[in-house]
Amino acid sequence: MKIIHYLFLLLLTLPVANANAQPELEEQQAVDFEILKNLELFELVYKTIDLNYVDEPDPGALMKAAIDAMLYELDPYTNYIPESLIEDYKLMSTGQYGGIGAIIRQAGEDVIVVDPHEGFPAQKAGLIAGDIFLEIDGKSVEALSSDEVSEKLKGKPGTSLDVKIERNGKPIVVKLVREEIKFSPVPYFGMLDAEKGYIKLSSFTQTAFEDVQAAFVNLKGEGMKKLVLDLRGNGGGLVVEAVKIVNMFIEKETEIVSIRGRDEAVNKTYKAFMKGLDTKMPLVVLVDGNSASASEIVAGALQDLDRAVILGQTSYGKGLVQRPMDLKYNAKVKVTIAKYYTPSGRCIQKLDYSHRQAGDQAGAISDSLLTTFKTKNGRTVVDGRGIEPDLVIPKKEYAILTGTIVLKNILFDYATKFQRDHNEIADAKSFKVTDEIYADFTAFVLAQDFEYTTASLQRLKELQAAAQEEESYTPAQAEFEALLAKLQPSKVDDLKKYKAELIPLIEDEIVGRYFYQKGRIIHSLVEDEFIREAIEILNDIPRYKKVLNLEN
């Protein structure tokens, strides 16, 4: 109530305006009154619930639910961050937190280790993928979610904890000492061949530019003359880091991105503020549907400036800028304050949150509202659709059997078994799933109790349901049943049929057990379709120049 009384006093002390400004003043007073009225009603509802509800409510949980519901009506990126989630926010913005350094997830009723990061407490203490959490500091984690277990594993660096896990049916107690966990946004860089370098950038945290620059300088020292910058799966981060990375490849004073919001104070145009490290080196940038935000600033700027060939799949389409703002009690609110615009003038925001009805999902911006723009060399680009690549790699569609094997953790469990049966494997780059390994995998899959369907069987069942609704099913019942029987999937046949798409997934999971994230990346580069196409375009400089409409 103190806040409300203060706001009323503030409203009463507004300066008296001249006659010309009177309508604006009255409109503002009406808005202010509406705000005050609803704040008071909110407090009264909360107080009534607190005093009269049949069970005693949890004040923090109730208030967070109310705040989250309010912010949901704006966009998915405007978020309330209570003190309890500050560590998670710190991880997203800085790439560091206090903990054990392992990815965990829910697997049925259990919480398991998925990926202990190399060189951090979990890996150093001997935790491996597949370990099941039983207790933390003597307290059972049964019935806890993966988020709740994660919170218990985090804490101040230097503090210790005892973790009881289950491995191969046996309980094991492991002592860990938490550390400041700092993930490099560049998990891997290296040479693809004698002249082509590769840098994987996974996020735009506070050291993104610093780490990319260090990788770039290192690769140039190894003879790099051409570069592949991989932004696939990079969900974004800090705008300033994206600006600095673009600056590496362009001339000083070149415009990179503009930010425009309702409050003119946030409007800003970012330009290259330093001399580029290399403004001529042939450059290919890889993107996919999970490349978002700061990734799209980099890809969009380099595309608009005709400085790089963008290769892959249409990016996510997030053209909104957020700013964290401090609240009391160590809480924050992350607010969407502006939209960003690439050098050509386009905003790549795909979903229109401002024109949806309350509670509805946001829809894509209508085609009729899309605008075309021109790159530096006169190529046509479009706003409102994310970053559309210059060269497209079709999105890979997996068989339903493959998806089922992954989603039901059968592939994960097989890799756990494989690691238990094999102390070591060939190096990450050369490891291959042999016919013998695939036969072992097939036997393991067939021993599991699971069901799946096929696209043709799903469509036939839909047709069967439609026929039943129309009361035309009975005459064709025998034919339907015969066809349904013939279309029932065969695990044995499908494991042979989809062997080619399953093998890379098996290799990735197994390599990750022995060589962690870095090993996964090294292995994937061998047969990566994106990488093959990037190498081809960098080998064919006339084609590269044609794509960018460059003069010979």
Protein backbone atom coordinates (compact mmCIF):
# COMPACT_ATOMS: atom_id res chain seq x y z
CA MET A 1 0.00 0.00 0.00
CA LYS A 2 2.93 2.35 0.61
CA ILE A 3 3.82 2.14 -3.10
CA ILE A 4 0.24 2.89 -4.11
CA HIS A 5 -0.02 5.89 -1.74
CA TYR A 6 3.28 7.17 -3.11
CA LEU A 7 2.01 6.89 -6.67
CA PHE A 8 -1.18 8.75 -5.78
CA LEU A 9 0.88 11.55 -4.28
CA LEU A 10 3.03 11.59 -7.39
CA LEU A 11 -0.06 11.87 -9.56
CA LEU A 12 -1.37 14.81 -7.50
CA THR A 13 1.91 16.70 -7.82
CA LEU A 14 2.09 16.57 -11.61
CA PRO A 15 2.82 20.05 -13.01
CA VAL A 16 -0.05 22.06 -14.43
CA ALA A 17 0.20 22.11 -18.22
CA ASN A 18 -0.86 24.81 -20.64
CA ALA A 19 -4.13 24.53 -22.52
CA ASN A 20 -2.56 22.99 -25.63
CA ALA A 21 -1.06 20.15 -23.57
CA GLN A 22 -4.25 19.53 -21.54
CA PRO A 23 -5.55 16.59 -23.64
CA GLU A 24 -2.18 14.82 -23.37
CA LEU A 25 -2.12 15.42 -19.62
CA GLU A 26 -5.62 14.05 -19.18
CA GLU A 27 -4.73 10.97 -21.23
CA GLN A 28 -1.64 10.36 -19.11
CA GLN A 29 -3.62 10.81 -15.89
CA ALA A 30 -6.15 8.25 -17.13
CA VAL A 31 -3.34 5.76 -17.81
CA ASP A 32 -1.78 6.44 -14.40
CA PHE A 33 -5.12 5.95 -12.65
CA GLU A 34 -5.65 2.63 -14.46
CA ILE A 35 -2.22 1.44 -13.29
CA LEU A 36 -2.90 2.47 -9.69
CA LYS A 37 -6.35 0.93 -9.66
CA ASN A 38 -5.09 -2.43 -10.88
CA LEU A 39 -2.13 -2.42 -8.49
CA GLU A 40 -4.53 -1.92 -5.60
CA LEU A 41 -6.87 -4.66 -6.86
CA PHE A 42 -3.92 -7.04 -7.23
CA GLU A 43 -2.87 -6.38 -3.62
CA LEU A 44 -6.43 -6.90 -2.38
CA VAL A 45 -6.79 -10.21 -4.25
CA TYR A 46 -3.47 -11.45 -2.89
CA LYS A 47 -4.35 -10.40 0.67
CA THR A 48 -7.77 -12.09 0.41
CA ILE A 49 -6.21 -15.35 -0.81
CA ASP A 50 -3.52 -15.22 1.86
CA LEU A 51 -6.08 -14.79 4.67
CA ASN A 52 -8.89 -17.05 3.45
CA TYR A 53 -7.65 -19.82 1.18
CA VAL A 54 -8.31 -23.33 2.51
CA ASP A 55 -4.59 -24.27 2.49
CA GLU A 56 -1.73 -21.97 3.39
CA PRO A 57 -0.29 -20.68 0.07
CA ASP A 58 3.41 -20.34 -0.69
CA PRO A 59 3.89 -16.56 -1.06
CA GLY A 60 6.99 -16.79 -3.26
CA ALA A 61 5.58 -19.41 -5.61
CA LEU A 62 2.22 -17.63 -5.85
CA MET A 63 3.80 -14.28 -6.65
CA LYS A 64 6.19 -15.74 -9.20
CA ALA A 65 3.29 -17.48 -10.95
CA ALA A 66 1.43 -14.17 -11.09
CA ILE A 67 4.44 -12.29 -12.46
CA ASP A 68 5.19 -15.01 -15.02
CA ALA A 69 1.57 -15.00 -16.22
CA MET A 70 1.69 -11.22 -16.64
CA LEU A 71 4.95 -11.30 -18.57
CA TYR A 72 3.70 -14.16 -20.77
CA GLU A 73 1.32 -11.68 -22.39
CA LEU A 74 4.33 -9.72 -23.69
CA ASP A 75 6.88 -12.11 -25.23
CA PRO A 76 8.87 -15.20 -24.16
CA TYR A 77 12.02 -13.18 -23.54
CA THR A 78 10.72 -10.76 -20.92
CA ASN A 79 11.35 -12.77 -17.75
CA TYR A 80 11.35 -12.39 -13.98
CA ILE A 81 14.47 -13.87 -12.37
CA PRO A 82 14.07 -14.49 -8.61
CA GLU A 83 17.10 -14.79 -6.36
CA SER A 84 16.84 -18.58 -6.49
CA LEU A 85 17.52 -18.57 -10.25
CA ILE A 86 20.30 -15.99 -10.32
CA GLU A 87 22.94 -18.71 -10.72
CA ASP A 88 21.17 -19.96 -13.86
CA TYR A 89 21.02 -16.41 -15.20
CA LYS A 90 24.71 -15.96 -14.42
CA LEU A 91 25.49 -19.11 -16.40
CA MET A 92 23.56 -17.84 -19.44
CA SER A 93 25.12 -14.39 -19.42
CA THR A 94 28.70 -15.18 -18.37
CA GLY A 95 29.12 -18.88 -19.07
CA GLN A 96 30.14 -19.52 -15.46
CA TYR A 97 28.63 -20.67 -12.17
CA GLY A 98 29.56 -22.49 -8.98
CA GLY A 99 29.00 -26.21 -9.30
CA ILE A 100 30.31 -29.59 -10.45
CA GLY A 101 30.36 -29.09 -14.25
CA ALA A 102 28.00 -31.72 -15.62
CA ILE A 103 24.87 -31.84 -17.74
CA ILE A 104 22.10 -33.80 -16.05
CA ARG A 105 18.57 -34.68 -17.14
CA GLN A 106 15.42 -36.55 -16.22
CA ALA A 107 15.22 -40.17 -17.39
CA GLY A 108 11.86 -41.51 -16.30
CA GLU A 109 11.80 -41.26 -12.51
CA ASP A 110 15.58 -40.94 -12.27
CA VAL A 111 17.94 -38.00 -12.68
CA ILE A 112 21.08 -39.05 -14.52
CA VAL A 113 24.44 -37.67 -15.58
CA VAL A 114 24.37 -37.02 -19.32
CA ASP A 115 27.68 -35.33 -19.99
CA PRO A 116 30.40 -34.56 -17.40
CA HIS A 117 32.49 -31.71 -18.79
CA GLU A 118 36.15 -32.51 -19.22
CA GLY A 119 38.43 -30.98 -16.60
CA PHE A 120 35.70 -30.07 -14.11
CA PRO A 121 34.80 -31.61 -10.71
CA ALA A 122 32.31 -34.23 -11.93
CA GLN A 123 34.71 -35.67 -14.49
CA LYS A 124 37.73 -35.40 -12.21
CA ALA A 125 35.86 -37.23 -9.44
CA GLY A 126 34.97 -40.06 -11.81
CA LEU A 127 31.31 -39.44 -12.62
CA ILE A 128 30.36 -40.79 -16.03
CA ALA A 129 27.35 -40.54 -18.33
CA GLY A 130 24.59 -42.86 -17.17
CA ASP A 131 25.24 -42.50 -13.44
CA ILE A 132 21.95 -42.23 -11.53
CA PHE A 133 21.70 -39.79 -8.60
CA LEU A 134 20.53 -41.39 -5.36
CA GLU A 135 21.58 -38.98 -2.59
CA ILE A 136 23.26 -35.59 -2.16
CA ASP A 137 24.91 -35.03 1.22
CA GLY A 138 23.02 -37.95 2.71
CA LYS A 139 19.58 -36.78 1.56
CA SER A 140 17.61 -38.80 -0.97
CA VAL A 141 16.83 -37.14 -4.31
CA GLU A 142 14.01 -39.56 -5.02
CA ALA A 143 11.02 -37.70 -6.51
CA LEU A 144 13.13 -34.59 -7.18
CA SER A 145 13.18 -33.14 -10.69
CA SER A 146 16.39 -32.58 -12.62
CA ASP A 147 16.07 -28.83 -11.93
CA GLU A 148 15.83 -29.48 -8.20
CA VAL A 149 18.84 -31.81 -8.26
CA SER A 150 20.75 -29.22 -10.30
CA GLU A 151 20.08 -26.57 -7.66
CA LYS A 152 21.46 -28.85 -4.94
CA LEU A 153 24.62 -29.50 -6.96
CA LYS A 154 25.34 -25.80 -7.41
CA GLY A 155 26.92 -23.72 -4.71
CA LYS A 156 29.84 -21.63 -3.62
CA PRO A 157 33.18 -22.65 -5.18
CA GLY A 158 35.38 -24.52 -2.71
CA THR A 159 32.50 -26.14 -0.85
CA SER A 160 32.30 -29.93 -0.92
CA LEU A 161 29.46 -32.40 -1.23
CA ASP A 162 29.04 -36.17 -1.11
CA VAL A 163 27.01 -37.65 -3.94
CA LYS A 164 25.71 -41.21 -3.94
CA ILE A 165 25.10 -42.54 -7.42
CA GLU A 166 24.08 -45.86 -8.90
CA ARG A 167 26.28 -47.39 -11.61
CA ASN A 168 25.66 -50.83 -13.09
CA GLY A 169 23.21 -51.54 -10.27
CA LYS A 170 25.70 -50.73 -7.51
CA PRO A 171 25.71 -47.65 -5.21
CA ILE A 172 28.88 -45.54 -5.18
CA VAL A 173 29.65 -42.51 -3.00
CA VAL A 174 31.70 -39.79 -4.69
CA LYS A 175 33.13 -36.71 -2.95
CA LEU A 176 33.18 -33.55 -5.09
CA VAL A 177 34.47 -30.05 -4.50
CA ARG A 178 32.56 -27.35 -6.31
CA GLU A 179 34.50 -25.01 -8.56
CA GLU A 180 33.82 -21.84 -10.50
CA ILE A 181 32.64 -23.46 -13.71
CA LYS A 182 33.62 -21.39 -16.74
CA PHE A 183 32.67 -22.68 -20.16
CA SER A 184 34.50 -21.25 -23.14
CA PRO A 185 32.07 -20.08 -25.82
CA VAL A 186 34.57 -21.59 -28.29
CA PRO A 187 34.50 -25.31 -27.46
CA TYR A 188 36.69 -26.16 -30.47
CA PHE A 189 38.77 -24.64 -33.25
CA GLY A 190 41.18 -26.24 -35.69
CA MET A 191 42.30 -26.64 -39.28
CA LEU A 192 40.03 -28.49 -41.72
CA ASP A 193 42.90 -28.78 -44.18
CA ALA A 194 46.11 -26.94 -45.03
CA GLU A 195 44.40 -23.57 -45.63
CA LYS A 196 40.89 -23.71 -44.12
CA GLY A 197 40.27 -22.97 -40.46
CA TYR A 198 37.19 -23.80 -38.39
CA ILE A 199 35.84 -22.06 -35.29
CA LYS A 200 32.83 -23.34 -33.37
CA LEU A 201 31.09 -20.57 -31.39
CA SER A 202 28.41 -21.93 -29.04
CA SER A 203 27.29 -18.75 -27.25
CA PHE A 204 27.85 -15.01 -26.96
CA THR A 205 28.90 -14.76 -23.33
CA GLN A 206 31.32 -12.17 -21.96
CA THR A 207 34.46 -13.71 -23.48
CA ALA A 208 33.03 -14.63 -26.89
CA PHE A 209 35.02 -12.06 -28.87
CA GLU A 210 38.17 -12.62 -26.85
CA ASP A 211 38.02 -16.39 -27.43
CA VAL A 212 37.12 -16.13 -31.13
CA GLN A 213 39.92 -13.63 -31.67
CA ALA A 214 42.43 -15.90 -29.91
CA ALA A 215 41.29 -18.86 -32.03
CA PHE A 216 41.51 -16.78 -35.21
CA VAL A 217 45.05 -15.58 -34.47
CA ASN A 218 46.11 -19.13 -33.59
CA LEU A 219 44.72 -20.52 -36.85
CA LYS A 220 46.34 -17.80 -38.92
CA GLY A 221 49.59 -18.83 -37.33
CA GLU A 222 48.93 -22.35 -38.64
CA GLY A 223 48.50 -21.07 -42.19
CA MET A 224 44.76 -20.38 -42.35
CA LYS A 225 43.71 -18.48 -45.47
CA LYS A 226 39.97 -19.22 -45.37
CA LEU A 227 37.56 -19.62 -42.44
CA VAL A 228 34.37 -21.48 -41.52
CA LEU A 229 32.58 -19.87 -38.53
CA ASP A 230 30.01 -22.29 -37.08
CA LEU A 231 27.01 -20.66 -35.36
CA ARG A 232 24.71 -23.68 -35.51
CA GLY A 233 22.76 -24.16 -32.29
CA ASN A 234 24.03 -20.84 -30.92
CA GLY A 235 21.08 -19.23 -29.15
CA GLY A 236 22.76 -15.83 -28.78
CA GLY A 237 23.80 -13.69 -25.84
CA LEU A 238 25.45 -10.28 -25.58
CA VAL A 239 24.99 -7.87 -28.49
CA VAL A 240 28.33 -6.16 -27.85
CA GLU A 241 30.17 -9.48 -28.31
CA ALA A 242 28.41 -10.02 -31.64
CA VAL A 243 29.42 -6.52 -32.74
CA LYS A 244 33.07 -7.14 -31.87
CA ILE A 245 33.12 -10.44 -33.76
CA VAL A 246 31.67 -8.86 -36.90
CA ASN A 247 34.23 -6.06 -36.49
CA MET A 248 37.00 -8.66 -36.94
CA PHE A 249 36.10 -9.03 -40.62
CA ILE A 250 35.09 -5.53 -41.78
CA GLU A 251 36.49 -2.02 -42.19
CA LYS A 252 36.44 0.45 -39.31
CA GLU A 253 33.34 2.71 -39.09
CA THR A 254 31.16 0.24 -41.03
CA GLU A 255 27.64 -0.04 -39.58
CA ILE A 256 26.94 -3.42 -37.98
CA VAL A 257 23.55 -3.23 -36.24
CA SER A 258 21.04 -0.65 -35.02
CA ILE A 259 18.83 -0.92 -31.95
CA ARG A 260 15.52 0.95 -31.84
CA GLY A 261 12.91 0.95 -29.10
CA ARG A 262 9.96 2.92 -27.74
CA ASP A 263 12.30 4.83 -25.44
CA GLU A 264 14.59 6.91 -27.64
CA ALA A 265 17.27 6.69 -24.94
CA VAL A 266 17.92 3.04 -25.90
CA ASN A 267 18.33 3.78 -29.61
CA LYS A 268 21.85 3.14 -30.77
CA THR A 269 23.80 2.33 -33.92
CA TYR A 270 26.83 0.08 -33.49
CA LYS A 271 29.70 0.59 -35.92
CA ALA A 272 33.05 -1.12 -36.30
CA PHE A 273 35.19 0.75 -33.81
CA MET A 274 38.55 -0.90 -34.53
CA LYS A 275 40.54 -2.05 -37.51
CA GLY A 276 39.41 -5.47 -38.74
CA LEU A 277 41.76 -8.41 -38.26
CA ASP A 278 41.18 -9.56 -41.85
CA THR A 279 38.70 -7.83 -44.16
CA LYS A 280 39.41 -9.96 -47.25
CA MET A 281 39.70 -13.58 -46.07
CA PRO A 282 37.00 -15.79 -47.68
CA LEU A 283 34.46 -16.56 -44.96
CA VAL A 284 31.57 -19.02 -44.65
CA VAL A 285 29.14 -18.78 -41.72
CA LEU A 286 27.05 -21.84 -40.77
CA VAL A 287 23.55 -21.34 -39.34
CA ASP A 288 20.50 -23.48 -38.59
CA GLY A 289 17.06 -23.11 -37.04
CA ASN A 290 18.58 -22.81 -33.56
CA SER A 291 20.91 -19.93 -34.47
CA ALA A 292 19.25 -16.98 -32.79
CA SER A 293 19.61 -13.40 -31.58
CA ALA A 294 23.31 -12.44 -31.46
CA SER A 295 24.04 -15.26 -33.94
CA GLU A 296 21.61 -13.59 -36.32
CA ILE A 297 23.26 -10.21 -35.78
CA VAL A 298 26.58 -11.70 -36.90
CA ALA A 299 25.13 -13.66 -39.82
CA GLY A 300 22.81 -10.82 -40.86
CA ALA A 301 25.49 -8.14 -40.77
CA LEU A 302 28.02 -10.24 -42.69
CA GLN A 303 25.32 -11.13 -45.23
CA ASP A 304 24.15 -7.53 -45.69
CA LEU A 305 27.75 -6.38 -46.13
CA ASP A 306 28.40 -9.23 -48.60
CA ARG A 307 31.34 -10.20 -46.41
CA ALA A 308 30.49 -13.90 -45.95
CA VAL A 309 28.50 -16.66 -47.58
CA ILE A 310 25.76 -17.78 -45.17
CA LEU A 311 25.29 -21.53 -45.43
CA GLY A 312 22.73 -23.86 -43.85
CA GLN A 313 19.11 -23.42 -42.82
CA THR A 314 16.93 -20.40 -42.03
CA SER A 315 17.79 -19.08 -38.58
CA TYR A 316 15.40 -18.81 -35.63
CA GLY A 317 14.16 -15.27 -36.23
CA LYS A 318 14.69 -13.42 -32.94
CA GLY A 319 15.13 -9.71 -33.58
CA LEU A 320 14.33 -8.53 -30.05
CA VAL A 321 16.82 -7.02 -27.60
CA GLN A 322 16.61 -7.60 -23.83
CA ARG A 323 18.16 -5.71 -20.95
CA PRO A 324 18.41 -7.08 -17.38
CA MET A 325 17.24 -4.66 -14.71
CA ASP A 326 17.94 -5.01 -11.01
CA LEU A 327 15.11 -5.33 -8.51
CA LYS A 328 15.19 -5.58 -4.73
CA TYR A 329 16.09 -8.79 -2.88
CA ASN A 330 18.73 -9.79 -5.47
CA ALA A 331 16.10 -10.38 -8.15
CA LYS A 332 16.10 -9.14 -11.73
CA VAL A 333 13.68 -8.63 -14.58
CA LYS A 334 14.89 -9.11 -18.15
CA VAL A 335 12.88 -6.76 -20.37
CA THR A 336 12.57 -6.56 -24.15
CA ILE A 337 13.50 -2.94 -24.80
CA ALA A 338 14.06 -2.76 -28.55
CA LYS A 339 14.33 -4.47 -31.91
CA TYR A 340 17.56 -4.70 -33.83
CA TYR A 341 18.12 -3.92 -37.50
CA THR A 342 20.90 -5.21 -39.75
CA PRO A 343 22.92 -2.82 -41.96
CA SER A 344 20.42 -3.08 -44.85
CA GLY A 345 17.65 -1.90 -42.52
CA ARG A 346 15.81 -5.17 -41.98
CA CYS A 347 14.50 -6.58 -38.70
CA ILE A 348 14.59 -10.36 -38.78
CA GLN A 349 12.00 -10.90 -35.99
CA LYS A 350 9.76 -13.72 -37.19
CA LEU A 351 6.89 -13.84 -34.68
CA ASP A 352 4.62 -10.86 -34.09
CA TYR A 353 3.97 -10.61 -30.34
CA SER A 354 2.51 -7.10 -30.43
CA HIS A 355 -0.64 -8.00 -32.38
CA ARG A 356 -1.73 -11.25 -30.76
CA GLN A 357 -4.83 -11.55 -28.62
CA ALA A 358 -4.34 -12.12 -24.89
CA GLY A 359 -3.37 -15.72 -24.23
CA ASP A 360 -2.94 -16.61 -27.92
CA GLN A 361 0.23 -17.88 -29.54
CA ALA A 362 2.12 -15.35 -31.61
CA GLY A 363 1.93 -15.87 -35.37
CA ALA A 364 4.48 -15.25 -38.08
CA ILE A 365 4.46 -11.82 -39.65
CA SER A 366 2.17 -11.86 -42.67
CA ASP A 367 3.83 -12.22 -46.07
CA SER A 368 2.04 -9.07 -47.20
CA LEU A 369 3.90 -7.09 -44.53
CA LEU A 370 7.36 -8.35 -45.48
CA THR A 371 9.78 -5.86 -47.02
CA THR A 372 12.73 -6.49 -49.30
CA PHE A 373 16.09 -4.83 -48.77
CA LYS A 374 19.37 -4.72 -50.67
CA THR A 375 22.78 -5.85 -49.51
CA LYS A 376 25.90 -3.77 -50.15
CA ASN A 377 26.37 -5.43 -53.56
CA GLY A 378 22.68 -5.27 -54.51
CA ARG A 379 21.47 -8.75 -53.52
CA THR A 380 17.88 -9.01 -52.28
CA VAL A 381 17.17 -9.95 -48.67
CA VAL A 382 13.88 -10.02 -46.75
CA ASP A 383 12.91 -8.99 -43.23
CA GLY A 384 10.65 -10.86 -40.82
CA ARG A 385 11.92 -14.35 -41.62
CA GLY A 386 15.17 -14.78 -39.71
CA ILE A 387 18.37 -15.03 -41.74
CA GLU A 388 17.75 -17.00 -44.91
CA PRO A 389 21.02 -18.61 -46.04
CA ASP A 390 22.67 -17.89 -49.38
CA LEU A 391 23.21 -21.63 -49.84
CA VAL A 392 20.67 -24.01 -48.33
CA ILE A 393 21.33 -27.37 -46.67
CA PRO A 394 17.97 -29.18 -46.45
CA LYS A 395 16.83 -30.03 -42.94
CA LYS A 396 17.38 -33.69 -42.19
CA GLU A 397 14.26 -35.72 -41.45
CA TYR A 398 14.70 -38.82 -39.30
CA ALA A 399 12.63 -41.99 -39.32
CA ILE A 400 10.15 -42.48 -36.49
CA LEU A 401 12.16 -45.51 -35.33
CA THR A 402 15.28 -43.35 -35.00
CA GLY A 403 13.41 -40.69 -33.04
CA THR A 404 11.93 -43.32 -30.74
CA ILE A 405 15.33 -44.88 -30.03
CA VAL A 406 16.72 -41.46 -29.11
CA LEU A 407 13.75 -40.14 -27.11
CA LYS A 408 13.35 -43.33 -25.08
CA ASN A 409 17.06 -43.19 -24.11
CA ILE A 410 17.77 -46.51 -25.84
CA LEU A 411 20.70 -45.00 -27.74
CA PHE A 412 21.98 -43.38 -24.55
CA ASP A 413 21.70 -46.64 -22.62
CA TYR A 414 23.54 -48.53 -25.37
CA ALA A 415 26.44 -46.07 -25.20
CA THR A 416 26.51 -46.61 -21.41
CA LYS A 417 26.75 -50.36 -21.98
CA PHE A 418 29.39 -49.89 -24.67
CA GLN A 419 31.56 -47.80 -22.35
CA ARG A 420 31.23 -50.42 -19.65
CA ASP A 421 32.36 -53.14 -22.10
CA HIS A 422 35.22 -51.18 -23.72
CA ASN A 423 37.95 -49.39 -21.78
CA GLU A 424 39.02 -47.34 -24.79
CA ILE A 425 38.29 -46.65 -28.44
CA ALA A 426 40.18 -45.17 -31.40
CA ASP A 427 40.73 -41.41 -31.38
CA ALA A 428 37.69 -39.16 -31.81
CA LYS A 429 38.35 -38.39 -35.47
CA SER A 430 38.78 -41.97 -36.71
CA PHE A 431 36.30 -43.95 -34.57
CA LYS A 432 33.76 -45.85 -36.69
CA VAL A 433 30.80 -48.07 -35.90
CA THR A 434 31.75 -51.39 -37.47
CA ASP A 435 29.31 -54.07 -38.64
CA GLU A 436 30.11 -55.92 -35.43
CA ILE A 437 29.25 -52.90 -33.27
CA TYR A 438 26.04 -52.28 -35.24
CA ALA A 439 25.02 -55.92 -34.80
CA ASP A 440 25.56 -55.51 -31.05
CA PHE A 441 23.51 -52.31 -31.12
CA THR A 442 20.72 -54.06 -33.04
CA ALA A 443 20.60 -56.88 -30.50
CA PHE A 444 20.44 -54.34 -27.67
CA VAL A 445 17.57 -52.42 -29.30
CA LEU A 446 15.58 -55.58 -30.02
CA ALA A 447 15.88 -56.59 -26.36
CA GLN A 448 14.11 -53.37 -25.28
CA ASP A 449 10.35 -53.20 -24.75
CA PHE A 450 9.05 -50.33 -26.85
CA GLU A 451 6.55 -49.60 -29.60
CA TYR A 452 6.61 -47.16 -32.48
CA THR A 453 4.63 -46.43 -35.60
CA THR A 454 5.29 -45.21 -39.13
CA ALA A 455 3.99 -42.27 -41.13
CA SER A 456 2.01 -44.57 -43.47
CA LEU A 457 0.44 -46.43 -40.54
CA GLN A 458 -0.51 -43.15 -38.86
CA ARG A 459 -2.24 -41.92 -42.03
CA LEU A 460 -4.08 -45.21 -42.49
CA LYS A 461 -5.39 -45.01 -38.90
CA GLU A 462 -6.56 -41.43 -39.56
CA LEU A 463 -8.38 -42.64 -42.69
CA GLN A 464 -9.89 -45.50 -40.69
CA ALA A 465 -11.17 -43.06 -38.06
CA ALA A 466 -12.65 -40.81 -40.77
CA ALA A 467 -14.39 -43.77 -42.38
CA GLN A 468 -15.86 -44.79 -39.03
CA GLU A 469 -17.20 -41.27 -38.44
CA GLU A 470 -18.85 -41.30 -41.87
CA GLU A 471 -20.34 -44.76 -41.17
CA SER A 472 -18.69 -46.10 -44.32
CA TYR A 473 -16.19 -48.28 -42.48
CA THR A 474 -18.08 -51.60 -42.29
CA PRO A 475 -17.97 -52.47 -46.03
CA ALA A 476 -14.21 -51.84 -46.10
CA GLN A 477 -13.37 -53.25 -42.66
CA ALA A 478 -11.66 -56.39 -43.97
CA GLU A 479 -9.46 -54.37 -46.33
CA PHE A 480 -8.56 -51.92 -43.58
CA GLU A 481 -7.58 -54.70 -41.18
CA ALA A 482 -5.53 -56.51 -43.82
CA LEU A 483 -3.66 -53.32 -44.74
CA LEU A 484 -3.11 -52.43 -41.08
CA ALA A 485 -1.55 -55.85 -40.53
CA LYS A 486 0.75 -55.43 -43.54
CA LEU A 487 1.87 -51.96 -42.45
CA GLN A 488 2.83 -52.93 -38.91
CA PRO A 489 6.49 -51.90 -38.49
CA SER A 490 9.22 -54.50 -38.18
CA LYS A 491 12.04 -53.53 -35.82
CA VAL A 492 14.42 -55.98 -37.49
CA ASP A 493 13.70 -54.67 -40.99
CA ASP A 494 13.72 -51.01 -39.97
CA LEU A 495 17.02 -51.33 -38.10
CA LYS A 496 18.50 -52.52 -41.40
CA LYS A 497 16.65 -49.90 -43.44
CA TYR A 498 17.75 -46.94 -41.30
CA LYS A 499 21.26 -48.13 -40.52
CA ALA A 500 22.84 -45.22 -42.41
CA GLU A 501 21.07 -42.56 -40.34
CA LEU A 502 21.53 -44.39 -37.03
CA ILE A 503 25.29 -44.94 -37.32
CA PRO A 504 26.31 -41.24 -37.03
CA LEU A 505 24.12 -40.90 -33.92
CA ILE A 506 25.68 -44.00 -32.36
CA GLU A 507 29.18 -42.73 -33.14
CA ASP A 508 28.43 -39.33 -31.64
CA GLU A 509 27.08 -40.80 -28.40
CA ILE A 510 29.97 -43.23 -28.00
CA VAL A 511 32.68 -40.69 -28.86
CA GLY A 512 31.17 -38.30 -26.30
CA ARG A 513 31.68 -40.90 -23.56
CA TYR A 514 35.44 -41.00 -24.12
CA PHE A 515 36.32 -37.58 -25.53
CA TYR A 516 33.48 -35.34 -24.25
CA GLN A 517 32.13 -32.32 -26.14
CA LYS A 518 35.36 -31.51 -27.95
CA GLY A 519 35.56 -35.08 -29.21
CA ARG A 520 32.00 -34.95 -30.49
CA ILE A 521 32.81 -31.86 -32.55
CA ILE A 522 36.05 -33.31 -33.94
CA HIS A 523 34.26 -36.50 -34.95
CA SER A 524 31.28 -34.71 -36.50
CA LEU A 525 33.51 -32.67 -38.82
CA VAL A 526 34.55 -35.80 -40.72
CA GLU A 527 31.18 -36.39 -42.41
CA ASP A 528 29.31 -33.16 -41.68
CA GLU A 529 27.24 -32.15 -44.72
CA PHE A 530 27.52 -28.46 -43.76
CA ILE A 531 31.31 -28.71 -43.57
CA ARG A 532 31.56 -30.55 -46.90
CA GLU A 533 29.55 -27.81 -48.62
CA ALA A 534 31.56 -25.07 -46.88
CA ILE A 535 34.80 -26.63 -48.10
CA GLU A 536 33.41 -26.89 -51.63
CA ILE A 537 32.42 -23.21 -51.78
CA LEU A 538 35.78 -22.13 -50.33
CA ASN A 539 37.58 -24.29 -52.89
CA ASP A 540 35.63 -22.61 -55.70
CA ILE A 541 36.40 -18.91 -55.26
CA PRO A 542 34.67 -17.86 -58.56
CA ARG A 543 31.48 -19.46 -57.22
CA TYR A 544 32.06 -17.82 -53.82
CA LYS A 545 32.34 -14.40 -55.48
CA LYS A 546 29.28 -15.05 -57.64
CA VAL A 547 27.15 -15.85 -54.59
CA LEU A 548 28.19 -12.56 -52.98
CA ASN A 549 27.92 -10.62 -56.24
CA LEU A 550 31.55 -9.58 -55.89
CA GLU A 551 33.56 -8.14 -58.73
CA ASN A 552 36.28 -10.43 -60.05
